[in-house]
């Protein structure tokens, strides 16, 4: 339970959450973003997603504007990787990559 709580609260203060909190390989993940780019008024935001330490299966997903920021539904491929990595980009090519650390969430098998 401690691992889930840690993952849940890891990036909330930076405006980044996912649901389910600890997704499983092959599951669909909802990404919610109300971070730096959103707070600065960006209306068109992409989330870049990759798996594992080397960002394998990297892909950009357009986020939908919501009342509370931006949201995207991401299909996770069936994978043996233990993490999903994310960063965000606006239409002016400004990035929110968590100060170079990216947003990294655990995946269960």
PDB file of N, CA and C in Angstrom:
ATOM      1  N   UNK A   1       0.814  -1.194   0.000  1.00  0.00           N
ATOM      2  CA  UNK A   1       0.000   0.000   0.000  1.00  0.00           C
ATOM      3  C   UNK A   1       0.858   1.259   0.000  1.00  0.00           C
ATOM      4  N   UNK A   2       2.016   1.216   0.624  1.00  0.00           N
ATOM      5  CA  UNK A   2       2.893   2.379   0.671  1.00  0.00           C
ATOM      6  C   UNK A   2       3.359   2.770  -0.731  1.00  0.00           C
ATOM      7  N   UNK A   3       3.640   1.791  -1.601  1.00  0.00           N
ATOM      8  CA  UNK A   3       4.091   2.072  -2.957  1.00  0.00           C
ATOM      9  C   UNK A   3       3.008   2.833  -3.732  1.00  0.00           C
ATOM     10  N   UNK A   4       1.754   2.414  -3.599  1.00  0.00           N
ATOM     11  CA  UNK A   4       0.651   3.086  -4.281  1.00  0.00           C
ATOM     12  C   UNK A   4       0.495   4.509  -3.762  1.00  0.00           C
ATOM     13  N   UNK A   5       0.529   4.718  -2.461  1.00  0.00           N
ATOM     14  CA  UNK A   5       0.406   6.062  -1.894  1.00  0.00           C
ATOM     15  C   UNK A   5       1.525   6.963  -2.373  1.00  0.00           C
ATOM     16  N   UNK A   6       2.742   6.437  -2.432  1.00  0.00           N
ATOM     17  CA  UNK A   6       3.884   7.222  -2.899  1.00  0.00           C
ATOM     18  C   UNK A   6       3.671   7.636  -4.351  1.00  0.00           C
ATOM     19  N   UNK A   7       3.240   6.704  -5.193  1.00  0.00           N
ATOM     20  CA  UNK A   7       3.000   6.997  -6.596  1.00  0.00           C
ATOM     21  C   UNK A   7       1.856   8.000  -6.757  1.00  0.00           C
ATOM     22  N   UNK A   8       0.815   7.866  -5.957  1.00  0.00           N
ATOM     23  CA  UNK A   8      -0.347   8.740  -6.036  1.00  0.00           C
ATOM     24  C   UNK A   8       0.031  10.189  -5.789  1.00  0.00           C
ATOM     25  N   UNK A   9       0.839  10.450  -4.799  1.00  0.00           N
ATOM     26  CA  UNK A   9       1.160  11.810  -4.401  1.00  0.00           C
ATOM     27  C   UNK A   9       2.433  12.355  -5.021  1.00  0.00           C
ATOM     28  N   UNK A  10       3.101  11.578  -5.811  1.00  0.00           N
ATOM     29  CA  UNK A  10       4.413  11.930  -6.331  1.00  0.00           C
ATOM     30  C   UNK A  10       4.439  13.251  -7.091  1.00  0.00           C
ATOM     31  N   UNK A  11       3.474  13.496  -7.974  1.00  0.00           N
ATOM     32  CA  UNK A  11       3.501  14.679  -8.834  1.00  0.00           C
ATOM     33  C   UNK A  11       2.246  15.555  -8.713  1.00  0.00           C
ATOM     34  N   UNK A  12       1.403  15.286  -7.752  1.00  0.00           N
ATOM     35  CA  UNK A  12       0.170  16.062  -7.593  1.00  0.00           C
ATOM     36  C   UNK A  12       0.470  17.548  -7.467  1.00  0.00           C
ATOM     37  N   UNK A  13       1.494  17.906  -6.710  1.00  0.00           N
ATOM     38  CA  UNK A  13       1.833  19.320  -6.519  1.00  0.00           C
ATOM     39  C   UNK A  13       2.303  19.979  -7.817  1.00  0.00           C
ATOM     40  N   UNK A  14       2.702  19.161  -8.807  1.00  0.00           N
ATOM     41  CA  UNK A  14       3.139  19.693 -10.103  1.00  0.00           C
ATOM     42  C   UNK A  14       2.035  19.601 -11.152  1.00  0.00           C
ATOM     43  N   UNK A  15       0.840  19.169 -10.728  1.00  0.00           N
ATOM     44  CA  UNK A  15      -0.311  19.127 -11.618  1.00  0.00           C
ATOM     45  C   UNK A  15      -0.382  17.919 -12.525  1.00  0.00           C
ATOM     46  N   UNK A  16       0.286  16.825 -12.167  1.00  0.00           N
ATOM     47  CA  UNK A  16       0.300  15.621 -13.011  1.00  0.00           C
ATOM     48  C   UNK A  16      -0.210  14.433 -12.204  1.00  0.00           C
ATOM     49  N   UNK A  17      -1.283  13.808 -12.707  1.00  0.00           N
ATOM     50  CA  UNK A  17      -1.801  12.586 -12.089  1.00  0.00           C
ATOM     51  C   UNK A  17      -2.167  11.597 -13.188  1.00  0.00           C
ATOM     52  N   UNK A  18      -2.194  10.321 -12.823  1.00  0.00           N
ATOM     53  CA  UNK A  18      -2.659   9.289 -13.739  1.00  0.00           C
ATOM     54  C   UNK A  18      -3.687   8.426 -13.020  1.00  0.00           C
ATOM     55  N   UNK A  19      -4.509   7.778 -13.832  1.00  0.00           N
ATOM     56  CA  UNK A  19      -5.499   6.842 -13.303  1.00  0.00           C
ATOM     57  C   UNK A  19      -5.577   5.660 -14.266  1.00  0.00           C
ATOM     58  N   UNK A  20      -5.465   4.432 -13.771  1.00  0.00           N
ATOM     59  CA  UNK A  20      -5.256   4.057 -12.389  1.00  0.00           C
ATOM     60  C   UNK A  20      -3.894   4.521 -11.878  1.00  0.00           C
ATOM     61  N   UNK A  21      -3.789   4.621 -10.576  1.00  0.00           N
ATOM     62  CA  UNK A  21      -2.580   5.142  -9.936  1.00  0.00           C
ATOM     63  C   UNK A  21      -1.361   4.301 -10.297  1.00  0.00           C
ATOM     64  N   UNK A  22      -1.513   2.984 -10.277  1.00  0.00           N
ATOM     65  CA  UNK A  22      -0.447   2.073 -10.723  1.00  0.00           C
ATOM     66  C   UNK A  22      -1.048   1.197 -11.819  1.00  0.00           C
ATOM     67  N   UNK A  23      -0.885   1.616 -13.076  1.00  0.00           N
ATOM     68  CA  UNK A  23      -1.494   0.859 -14.169  1.00  0.00           C
ATOM     69  C   UNK A  23      -0.796  -0.477 -14.407  1.00  0.00           C
ATOM     70  N   UNK A  24      -1.526  -1.355 -15.067  1.00  0.00           N
ATOM     71  CA  UNK A  24      -0.980  -2.651 -15.456  1.00  0.00           C
ATOM     72  C   UNK A  24      -0.603  -2.622 -16.925  1.00  0.00           C
ATOM     73  N   UNK A  25       0.373  -3.419 -17.277  1.00  0.00           N
ATOM     74  CA  UNK A  25       0.770  -3.599 -18.665  1.00  0.00           C
ATOM     75  C   UNK A  25      -0.465  -3.943 -19.489  1.00  0.00           C
ATOM     76  N   UNK A  26      -0.649  -3.265 -20.625  1.00  0.00           N
ATOM     77  CA  UNK A  26      -1.782  -3.527 -21.496  1.00  0.00           C
ATOM     78  C   UNK A  26      -3.046  -2.754 -21.152  1.00  0.00           C
ATOM     79  N   UNK A  27      -3.016  -1.970 -20.095  1.00  0.00           N
ATOM     80  CA  UNK A  27      -4.180  -1.226 -19.631  1.00  0.00           C
ATOM     81  C   UNK A  27      -4.202   0.189 -20.216  1.00  0.00           C
ATOM     82  N   UNK A  28      -5.375   0.800 -20.268  1.00  0.00           N
ATOM     83  CA  UNK A  28      -5.502   2.191 -20.693  1.00  0.00           C
ATOM     84  C   UNK A  28      -5.296   3.087 -19.472  1.00  0.00           C
ATOM     85  N   UNK A  29      -4.526   4.191 -19.656  1.00  0.00           N
ATOM     86  CA  UNK A  29      -4.201   5.117 -18.578  1.00  0.00           C
ATOM     87  C   UNK A  29      -4.765   6.492 -18.930  1.00  0.00           C
ATOM     88  N   UNK A  30      -5.414   7.124 -17.963  1.00  0.00           N
ATOM     89  CA  UNK A  30      -5.865   8.499 -18.131  1.00  0.00           C
ATOM     90  C   UNK A  30      -4.836   9.412 -17.492  1.00  0.00           C
ATOM     91  N   UNK A  31      -4.299  10.352 -18.279  1.00  0.00           N
ATOM     92  CA  UNK A  31      -3.307  11.316 -17.803  1.00  0.00           C
ATOM     93  C   UNK A  31      -4.002  12.659 -17.638  1.00  0.00           C
ATOM     94  N   UNK A  32      -3.894  13.243 -16.455  1.00  0.00           N
ATOM     95  CA  UNK A  32      -4.430  14.573 -16.188  1.00  0.00           C
ATOM     96  C   UNK A  32      -3.272  15.522 -15.967  1.00  0.00           C
ATOM     97  N   UNK A  33      -3.324  16.669 -16.661  1.00  0.00           N
ATOM     98  CA  UNK A  33      -2.232  17.634 -16.574  1.00  0.00           C
ATOM     99  C   UNK A  33      -2.785  19.036 -16.331  1.00  0.00           C
ATOM    100  N   UNK A  34      -2.374  19.627 -15.229  1.00  0.00           N
ATOM    101  CA  UNK A  34      -2.650  21.027 -14.917  1.00  0.00           C
ATOM    102  C   UNK A  34      -1.362  21.627 -14.373  1.00  0.00           C
ATOM    103  N   UNK A  35      -0.281  21.390 -15.097  1.00  0.00           N
ATOM    104  CA  UNK A  35       1.045  21.807 -14.670  1.00  0.00           C
ATOM    105  C   UNK A  35       1.443  23.145 -15.251  1.00  0.00           C
ATOM    106  N   UNK A  36       2.734  23.364 -15.294  1.00  0.00           N
ATOM    107  CA  UNK A  36       3.334  24.631 -15.685  1.00  0.00           C
ATOM    108  C   UNK A  36       2.809  25.174 -17.014  1.00  0.00           C
ATOM    109  N   UNK A  37       2.770  24.348 -18.053  1.00  0.00           N
ATOM    110  CA  UNK A  37       2.327  24.820 -19.365  1.00  0.00           C
ATOM    111  C   UNK A  37       0.864  25.237 -19.333  1.00  0.00           C
ATOM    112  N   UNK A  38       0.056  24.447 -18.664  1.00  0.00           N
ATOM    113  CA  UNK A  38      -1.361  24.758 -18.536  1.00  0.00           C
ATOM    114  C   UNK A  38      -1.559  26.049 -17.741  1.00  0.00           C
ATOM    115  N   UNK A  39      -0.825  26.187 -16.674  1.00  0.00           N
ATOM    116  CA  UNK A  39      -0.922  27.385 -15.818  1.00  0.00           C
ATOM    117  C   UNK A  39      -0.478  28.645 -16.568  1.00  0.00           C
ATOM    118  N   UNK A  40       0.415  28.486 -17.563  1.00  0.00           N
ATOM    119  CA  UNK A  40       0.902  29.624 -18.354  1.00  0.00           C
ATOM    120  C   UNK A  40      -0.008  29.934 -19.540  1.00  0.00           C
ATOM    121  N   UNK A  41      -1.122  29.225 -19.663  1.00  0.00           N
ATOM    122  CA  UNK A  41      -2.107  29.540 -20.675  1.00  0.00           C
ATOM    123  C   UNK A  41      -2.059  28.732 -21.951  1.00  0.00           C
ATOM    124  N   UNK A  42      -1.219  27.708 -22.021  1.00  0.00           N
ATOM    125  CA  UNK A  42      -1.159  26.886 -23.231  1.00  0.00           C
ATOM    126  C   UNK A  42      -2.495  26.177 -23.439  1.00  0.00           C
ATOM    127  N   UNK A  43      -2.996  26.258 -24.655  1.00  0.00           N
ATOM    128  CA  UNK A  43      -4.273  25.610 -24.935  1.00  0.00           C
ATOM    129  C   UNK A  43      -4.099  24.291 -25.688  1.00  0.00           C
ATOM    130  N   UNK A  44      -2.960  24.117 -26.354  1.00  0.00           N
ATOM    131  CA  UNK A  44      -2.681  22.904 -27.118  1.00  0.00           C
ATOM    132  C   UNK A  44      -1.463  22.217 -26.508  1.00  0.00           C
ATOM    133  N   UNK A  45      -1.693  21.103 -25.818  1.00  0.00           N
ATOM    134  CA  UNK A  45      -0.614  20.401 -25.115  1.00  0.00           C
ATOM    135  C   UNK A  45      -0.570  18.950 -25.561  1.00  0.00           C
ATOM    136  N   UNK A  46       0.653  18.463 -25.782  1.00  0.00           N
ATOM    137  CA  UNK A  46       0.891  17.053 -26.080  1.00  0.00           C
ATOM    138  C   UNK A  46       1.573  16.412 -24.888  1.00  0.00           C
ATOM    139  N   UNK A  47       1.259  15.149 -24.639  1.00  0.00           N
ATOM    140  CA  UNK A  47       2.008  14.373 -23.653  1.00  0.00           C
ATOM    141  C   UNK A  47       2.861  13.386 -24.432  1.00  0.00           C
ATOM    142  N   UNK A  48       4.154  13.392 -24.175  1.00  0.00           N
ATOM    143  CA  UNK A  48       5.073  12.416 -24.777  1.00  0.00           C
ATOM    144  C   UNK A  48       5.244  11.284 -23.780  1.00  0.00           C
ATOM    145  N   UNK A  49       5.061  10.062 -24.258  1.00  0.00           N
ATOM    146  CA  UNK A  49       5.083   8.876 -23.407  1.00  0.00           C
ATOM    147  C   UNK A  49       6.116   7.893 -23.940  1.00  0.00           C
ATOM    148  N   UNK A  50       6.870   7.279 -23.034  1.00  0.00           N
ATOM    149  CA  UNK A  50       7.813   6.231 -23.389  1.00  0.00           C
ATOM    150  C   UNK A  50       7.905   5.225 -22.252  1.00  0.00           C
ATOM    151  N   UNK A  51       8.346   4.040 -22.558  1.00  0.00           N
ATOM    152  CA  UNK A  51       8.421   2.971 -21.558  1.00  0.00           C
ATOM    153  C   UNK A  51       9.851   2.675 -21.159  1.00  0.00           C
ATOM    154  N   UNK A  52      10.062   2.421 -19.886  1.00  0.00           N
ATOM    155  CA  UNK A  52      11.366   2.017 -19.384  1.00  0.00           C
ATOM    156  C   UNK A  52      12.392   3.132 -19.396  1.00  0.00           C
ATOM    157  N   UNK A  53      13.595   2.798 -18.975  1.00  0.00           N
ATOM    158  CA  UNK A  53      14.681   3.774 -18.856  1.00  0.00           C
ATOM    159  C   UNK A  53      15.071   4.408 -20.187  1.00  0.00           C
ATOM    160  N   UNK A  54      14.845   3.715 -21.304  1.00  0.00           N
ATOM    161  CA  UNK A  54      15.255   4.211 -22.621  1.00  0.00           C
ATOM    162  C   UNK A  54      14.107   4.805 -23.436  1.00  0.00           C
ATOM    163  N   UNK A  55      12.968   5.054 -22.796  1.00  0.00           N
ATOM    164  CA  UNK A  55      11.819   5.668 -23.466  1.00  0.00           C
ATOM    165  C   UNK A  55      11.400   4.871 -24.716  1.00  0.00           C
ATOM    166  N   UNK A  56      11.322   3.563 -24.605  1.00  0.00           N
ATOM    167  CA  UNK A  56      10.900   2.747 -25.744  1.00  0.00           C
ATOM    168  C   UNK A  56       9.421   2.976 -26.052  1.00  0.00           C
ATOM    169  N   UNK A  57       9.031   2.684 -27.295  1.00  0.00           N
ATOM    170  CA  UNK A  57       7.645   2.866 -27.759  1.00  0.00           C
ATOM    171  C   UNK A  57       7.184   4.304 -27.548  1.00  0.00           C
ATOM    172  N   UNK A  58       8.072   5.244 -27.802  1.00  0.00           N
ATOM    173  CA  UNK A  58       7.800   6.664 -27.588  1.00  0.00           C
ATOM    174  C   UNK A  58       6.721   7.165 -28.544  1.00  0.00           C
ATOM    175  N   UNK A  59       5.768   7.939 -27.987  1.00  0.00           N
ATOM    176  CA  UNK A  59       4.687   8.454 -28.809  1.00  0.00           C
ATOM    177  C   UNK A  59       4.127   9.717 -28.173  1.00  0.00           C
ATOM    178  N   UNK A  60       3.656  10.659 -29.015  1.00  0.00           N
ATOM    179  CA  UNK A  60       3.002  11.876 -28.532  1.00  0.00           C
ATOM    180  C   UNK A  60       1.492  11.721 -28.654  1.00  0.00           C
ATOM    181  N   UNK A  61       0.778  12.141 -27.623  1.00  0.00           N
ATOM    182  CA  UNK A  61      -0.676  12.116 -27.619  1.00  0.00           C
ATOM    183  C   UNK A  61      -1.190  13.530 -27.369  1.00  0.00           C
ATOM    184  N   UNK A  62      -2.125  13.978 -28.207  1.00  0.00           N
ATOM    185  CA  UNK A  62      -2.733  15.292 -28.013  1.00  0.00           C
ATOM    186  C   UNK A  62      -3.677  15.219 -26.811  1.00  0.00           C
ATOM    187  N   UNK A  63      -3.579  16.222 -25.950  1.00  0.00           N
ATOM    188  CA  UNK A  63      -4.409  16.259 -24.761  1.00  0.00           C
ATOM    189  C   UNK A  63      -5.647  17.115 -25.027  1.00  0.00           C
ATOM    190  N   UNK A  64      -6.744  16.725 -24.432  1.00  0.00           N
ATOM    191  CA  UNK A  64      -8.007  17.446 -24.563  1.00  0.00           C
ATOM    192  C   UNK A  64      -8.117  18.457 -23.418  1.00  0.00           C
ATOM    193  N   UNK A  65      -8.499  19.688 -23.751  1.00  0.00           N
ATOM    194  CA  UNK A  65      -8.696  20.729 -22.728  1.00  0.00           C
ATOM    195  C   UNK A  65      -9.918  20.358 -21.898  1.00  0.00           C
ATOM    196  N   UNK A  66      -9.783  20.462 -20.582  1.00  0.00           N
ATOM    197  CA  UNK A  66     -10.885  20.185 -19.657  1.00  0.00           C
ATOM    198  C   UNK A  66     -11.068  21.385 -18.730  1.00  0.00           C
ATOM    199  N   UNK A  67     -12.056  21.326 -17.871  1.00  0.00           N
ATOM    200  CA  UNK A  67     -12.287  22.395 -16.898  1.00  0.00           C
ATOM    201  C   UNK A  67     -11.137  22.516 -15.896  1.00  0.00           C
ATOM    202  N   UNK A  68     -10.397  21.437 -15.722  1.00  0.00           N
ATOM    203  CA  UNK A  68      -9.324  21.438 -14.719  1.00  0.00           C
ATOM    204  C   UNK A  68      -7.933  21.313 -15.318  1.00  0.00           C
ATOM    205  N   UNK A  69      -7.779  21.536 -16.615  1.00  0.00           N
ATOM    206  CA  UNK A  69      -6.468  21.418 -17.246  1.00  0.00           C
ATOM    207  C   UNK A  69      -6.570  20.707 -18.578  1.00  0.00           C
ATOM    208  N   UNK A  70      -5.819  19.618 -18.733  1.00  0.00           N
ATOM    209  CA  UNK A  70      -5.799  18.830 -19.961  1.00  0.00           C
ATOM    210  C   UNK A  70      -5.818  17.344 -19.611  1.00  0.00           C
ATOM    211  N   UNK A  71      -6.334  16.533 -20.535  1.00  0.00           N
ATOM    212  CA  UNK A  71      -6.453  15.102 -20.276  1.00  0.00           C
ATOM    213  C   UNK A  71      -6.220  14.312 -21.556  1.00  0.00           C
ATOM    214  N   UNK A  72      -5.611  13.131 -21.409  1.00  0.00           N
ATOM    215  CA  UNK A  72      -5.425  12.197 -22.530  1.00  0.00           C
ATOM    216  C   UNK A  72      -5.579  10.775 -22.026  1.00  0.00           C
ATOM    217  N   UNK A  73      -6.098   9.922 -22.882  1.00  0.00           N
ATOM    218  CA  UNK A  73      -6.183   8.488 -22.590  1.00  0.00           C
ATOM    219  C   UNK A  73      -5.096   7.787 -23.388  1.00  0.00           C
ATOM    220  N   UNK A  74      -4.229   7.076 -22.682  1.00  0.00           N
ATOM    221  CA  UNK A  74      -3.049   6.447 -23.264  1.00  0.00           C
ATOM    222  C   UNK A  74      -3.190   4.931 -23.178  1.00  0.00           C
ATOM    223  N   UNK A  75      -3.151   4.228 -24.312  1.00  0.00           N
ATOM    224  CA  UNK A  75      -3.148   2.763 -24.257  1.00  0.00           C
ATOM    225  C   UNK A  75      -1.725   2.263 -23.995  1.00  0.00           C
ATOM    226  N   UNK A  76      -1.535   1.571 -22.903  1.00  0.00           N
ATOM    227  CA  UNK A  76      -0.219   0.978 -22.623  1.00  0.00           C
ATOM    228  C   UNK A  76      -0.093  -0.330 -23.383  1.00  0.00           C
ATOM    229  N   UNK A  77       1.011  -0.522 -24.095  1.00  0.00           N
ATOM    230  CA  UNK A  77       1.199  -1.827 -24.732  1.00  0.00           C
ATOM    231  C   UNK A  77       1.509  -2.884 -23.668  1.00  0.00           C
ATOM    232  N   UNK A  78       1.311  -4.129 -24.025  1.00  0.00           N
ATOM    233  CA  UNK A  78       1.740  -5.212 -23.140  1.00  0.00           C
ATOM    234  C   UNK A  78       3.262  -5.166 -23.138  1.00  0.00           C
ATOM    235  N   UNK A  79       3.846  -5.041 -21.958  1.00  0.00           N
ATOM    236  CA  UNK A  79       5.282  -4.821 -21.856  1.00  0.00           C
ATOM    237  C   UNK A  79       5.853  -5.438 -20.586  1.00  0.00           C
ATOM    238  N   UNK A  80       7.139  -5.671 -20.600  1.00  0.00           N
ATOM    239  CA  UNK A  80       7.845  -6.113 -19.399  1.00  0.00           C
ATOM    240  C   UNK A  80       8.475  -4.926 -18.667  1.00  0.00           C
ATOM    241  N   UNK A  81       8.392  -3.732 -19.255  1.00  0.00           N
ATOM    242  CA  UNK A  81       8.939  -2.538 -18.608  1.00  0.00           C
ATOM    243  C   UNK A  81       8.211  -2.272 -17.299  1.00  0.00           C
ATOM    244  N   UNK A  82       8.923  -1.681 -16.374  1.00  0.00           N
ATOM    245  CA  UNK A  82       8.356  -1.422 -15.046  1.00  0.00           C
ATOM    246  C   UNK A  82       7.949   0.026 -14.841  1.00  0.00           C
ATOM    247  N   UNK A  83       8.226   0.902 -15.840  1.00  0.00           N
ATOM    248  CA  UNK A  83       7.868   2.310 -15.701  1.00  0.00           C
ATOM    249  C   UNK A  83       7.321   2.877 -17.002  1.00  0.00           C
ATOM    250  N   UNK A  84       6.503   3.899 -16.849  1.00  0.00           N
ATOM    251  CA  UNK A  84       6.051   4.720 -17.958  1.00  0.00           C
ATOM    252  C   UNK A  84       6.543   6.138 -17.685  1.00  0.00           C
ATOM    253  N   UNK A  85       7.167   6.747 -18.692  1.00  0.00           N
ATOM    254  CA  UNK A  85       7.738   8.087 -18.561  1.00  0.00           C
ATOM    255  C   UNK A  85       6.880   9.069 -19.338  1.00  0.00           C
ATOM    256  N   UNK A  86       6.766  10.289 -18.815  1.00  0.00           N
ATOM    257  CA  UNK A  86       5.988  11.322 -19.491  1.00  0.00           C
ATOM    258  C   UNK A  86       6.668  12.671 -19.365  1.00  0.00           C
ATOM    259  N   UNK A  87       6.436  13.496 -20.385  1.00  0.00           N
ATOM    260  CA  UNK A  87       6.752  14.917 -20.331  1.00  0.00           C
ATOM    261  C   UNK A  87       5.720  15.605 -21.220  1.00  0.00           C
ATOM    262  N   UNK A  88       5.640  16.915 -21.141  1.00  0.00           N
ATOM    263  CA  UNK A  88       4.572  17.647 -21.802  1.00  0.00           C
ATOM    264  C   UNK A  88       5.146  18.767 -22.650  1.00  0.00           C
ATOM    265  N   UNK A  89       4.482  19.054 -23.792  1.00  0.00           N
ATOM    266  CA  UNK A  89       4.963  20.069 -24.718  1.00  0.00           C
ATOM    267  C   UNK A  89       3.781  20.880 -25.225  1.00  0.00           C
ATOM    268  N   UNK A  90       3.970  22.207 -25.336  1.00  0.00           N
ATOM    269  CA  UNK A  90       2.909  23.042 -25.900  1.00  0.00           C
ATOM    270  C   UNK A  90       3.201  23.364 -27.359  1.00  0.00           C
ATOM    271  N   UNK A  91       2.313  24.094 -28.012  1.00  0.00           N
ATOM    272  CA  UNK A  91       2.457  24.383 -29.444  1.00  0.00           C
ATOM    273  C   UNK A  91       3.609  25.338 -29.744  1.00  0.00           C
ATOM    274  N   UNK A  92       4.129  26.044 -28.734  1.00  0.00           N
ATOM    275  CA  UNK A  92       5.288  26.932 -28.910  1.00  0.00           C
ATOM    276  C   UNK A  92       6.602  26.191 -28.643  1.00  0.00           C
ATOM    277  N   UNK A  93       6.525  24.860 -28.487  1.00  0.00           N
ATOM    278  CA  UNK A  93       7.673  24.001 -28.213  1.00  0.00           C
ATOM    279  C   UNK A  93       8.302  24.248 -26.837  1.00  0.00           C
ATOM    280  N   UNK A  94       7.489  24.700 -25.876  1.00  0.00           N
ATOM    281  CA  UNK A  94       7.913  24.781 -24.477  1.00  0.00           C
ATOM    282  C   UNK A  94       7.641  23.424 -23.840  1.00  0.00           C
ATOM    283  N   UNK A  95       8.568  22.989 -22.991  1.00  0.00           N
ATOM    284  CA  UNK A  95       8.466  21.667 -22.380  1.00  0.00           C
ATOM    285  C   UNK A  95       8.304  21.764 -20.869  1.00  0.00           C
ATOM    286  N   UNK A  96       7.553  20.817 -20.321  1.00  0.00           N
ATOM    287  CA  UNK A  96       7.519  20.570 -18.884  1.00  0.00           C
ATOM    288  C   UNK A  96       7.988  19.132 -18.714  1.00  0.00           C
ATOM    289  N   UNK A  97       9.257  18.992 -18.340  1.00  0.00           N
ATOM    290  CA  UNK A  97       9.842  17.658 -18.154  1.00  0.00           C
ATOM    291  C   UNK A  97      10.292  17.452 -16.710  1.00  0.00           C
ATOM    292  N   UNK A  98       9.615  18.154 -15.784  1.00  0.00           N
ATOM    293  CA  UNK A  98       9.911  18.007 -14.359  1.00  0.00           C
ATOM    294  C   UNK A  98      11.377  18.332 -14.080  1.00  0.00           C
ATOM    295  N   UNK A  99      11.826  19.460 -14.617  1.00  0.00           N
ATOM    296  CA  UNK A  99      13.216  19.922 -14.434  1.00  0.00           C
ATOM    297  C   UNK A  99      14.243  18.888 -14.884  1.00  0.00           C
ATOM    298  N   UNK A 100      13.933  18.189 -15.973  1.00  0.00           N
ATOM    299  CA  UNK A 100      14.854  17.202 -16.524  1.00  0.00           C
ATOM    300  C   UNK A 100      14.701  15.802 -15.964  1.00  0.00           C
ATOM    301  N   UNK A 101      13.869  15.635 -14.951  1.00  0.00           N
ATOM    302  CA  UNK A 101      13.679  14.315 -14.334  1.00  0.00           C
ATOM    303  C   UNK A 101      12.515  13.541 -14.941  1.00  0.00           C
ATOM    304  N   UNK A 102      11.703  14.204 -15.759  1.00  0.00           N
ATOM    305  CA  UNK A 102      10.504  13.625 -16.350  1.00  0.00           C
ATOM    306  C   UNK A 102       9.515  13.188 -15.271  1.00  0.00           C
ATOM    307  N   UNK A 103       8.377  12.739 -15.690  1.00  0.00           N
ATOM    308  CA  UNK A 103       7.350  12.221 -14.775  1.00  0.00           C
ATOM    309  C   UNK A 103       7.335  10.717 -14.984  1.00  0.00           C
ATOM    310  N   UNK A 104       7.717   9.967 -13.982  1.00  0.00           N
ATOM    311  CA  UNK A 104       7.907   8.519 -14.092  1.00  0.00           C
ATOM    312  C   UNK A 104       6.946   7.816 -13.144  1.00  0.00           C
ATOM    313  N   UNK A 105       6.152   6.904 -13.705  1.00  0.00           N
ATOM    314  CA  UNK A 105       5.174   6.151 -12.922  1.00  0.00           C
ATOM    315  C   UNK A 105       5.453   4.657 -13.075  1.00  0.00           C
ATOM    316  N   UNK A 106       5.145   3.905 -12.030  1.00  0.00           N
ATOM    317  CA  UNK A 106       5.350   2.461 -12.042  1.00  0.00           C
ATOM    318  C   UNK A 106       4.250   1.756 -12.827  1.00  0.00           C
ATOM    319  N   UNK A 107       4.608   0.636 -13.432  1.00  0.00           N
ATOM    320  CA  UNK A 107       3.671  -0.246 -14.134  1.00  0.00           C
ATOM    321  C   UNK A 107       3.754  -1.615 -13.465  1.00  0.00           C
ATOM    322  N   UNK A 108       2.613  -2.245 -13.272  1.00  0.00           N
ATOM    323  CA  UNK A 108       2.619  -3.624 -12.759  1.00  0.00           C
ATOM    324  C   UNK A 108       2.338  -4.580 -13.913  1.00  0.00           C
ATOM    325  N   UNK A 109       2.731  -5.820 -13.740  1.00  0.00           N
ATOM    326  CA  UNK A 109       2.539  -6.828 -14.793  1.00  0.00           C
ATOM    327  C   UNK A 109       1.220  -7.532 -14.616  1.00  0.00           C
TER     328      UNK A 109
END
